[in-house]
Amino acid sequence: MSPDEKVTPLRPKRPCPECGKSSARETYPFCSKRCKDIDLNRWLKGAYVISARDDEEDTDGEK
């Protein structure tokens, strides 16, 4: 039995969001530092955007 089989994982294994390979414990949820850096670069360049919801009104009391 390998050492990984003795440890109960805290999170289920899932594929790397960049390339689809199995994720690694050191770089979770990515498989490698390379895939992790690719994702970080996309965030820093502004490729990922969290959009605001149009149906929310101002919460500062003004209408």
Protein backbone atom coordinates (compact mmCIF):
# COMPACT_ATOMS: atom_id res chain seq x y z
CA MET A 1 0.00 0.00 0.00
CA SER A 2 1.40 3.41 -0.96
CA PRO A 3 1.53 6.31 1.54
CA ASP A 4 -1.25 8.13 -0.35
CA GLU A 5 -3.64 5.22 0.21
CA LYS A 6 -3.22 5.47 4.01
CA VAL A 7 -4.27 9.13 4.12
CA THR A 8 -7.95 10.01 3.91
CA PRO A 9 -8.23 12.91 1.45
CA LEU A 10 -9.87 16.10 2.70
CA ARG A 11 -11.13 16.91 -0.79
CA PRO A 12 -12.15 14.59 -3.59
CA LYS A 13 -9.71 14.32 -6.49
CA ARG A 14 -10.74 16.32 -9.51
CA PRO A 15 -9.17 17.08 -12.86
CA CYS A 16 -6.96 20.11 -13.41
CA PRO A 17 -9.10 23.01 -14.71
CA GLU A 18 -6.39 23.90 -17.26
CA CYS A 19 -5.41 20.59 -18.88
CA GLY A 20 -7.67 17.90 -17.41
CA LYS A 21 -4.92 15.78 -15.81
CA SER A 22 -5.28 14.57 -12.22
CA SER A 23 -4.70 17.32 -9.67
CA ALA A 24 -1.66 17.24 -7.39
CA ARG A 25 -1.74 17.80 -3.64
CA GLU A 26 0.97 20.50 -3.77
CA THR A 27 -0.79 22.60 -6.42
CA TYR A 28 -4.47 21.70 -5.84
CA PRO A 29 -6.73 22.04 -7.83
CA PHE A 30 -4.09 22.16 -10.58
CA CYS A 31 -1.79 19.34 -11.72
CA SER A 32 1.40 21.40 -11.78
CA LYS A 33 2.95 24.78 -11.04
CA ARG A 34 2.77 25.52 -14.78
CA CYS A 35 -1.03 25.16 -14.91
CA LYS A 36 -1.34 27.15 -11.68
CA ASP A 37 0.77 29.98 -13.18
CA ILE A 38 -1.29 29.97 -16.40
CA ASP A 39 -4.46 30.50 -14.36
CA LEU A 40 -2.84 33.24 -12.25
CA ASN A 41 -1.68 35.03 -15.41
CA ARG A 42 -5.25 35.01 -16.77
CA TRP A 43 -6.51 36.63 -13.55
CA LEU A 44 -3.76 39.26 -13.63
CA LYS A 45 -4.41 40.13 -17.31
CA GLY A 46 -8.14 40.53 -16.61
CA ALA A 47 -9.24 37.59 -18.75
CA TYR A 48 -11.51 36.42 -15.93
CA VAL A 49 -14.26 38.82 -14.90
CA ILE A 50 -16.81 38.47 -12.15
CA SER A 51 -19.83 40.32 -13.45
CA ALA A 52 -22.22 42.28 -11.25
CA ARG A 53 -25.87 41.37 -11.15
CA ASP A 54 -28.15 43.90 -12.86
CA ASP A 55 -31.12 43.26 -10.58
CA GLU A 56 -29.43 44.54 -7.40
CA GLU A 57 -30.30 48.04 -6.21
CA ASP A 58 -27.95 50.37 -4.34
CA THR A 59 -27.47 49.14 -0.80
CA ASP A 60 -26.48 52.53 0.63
CA GLY A 61 -30.09 53.56 1.18
CA GLU A 62 -30.54 55.69 -1.94
CA LYS A 63 -33.11 54.70 -4.54
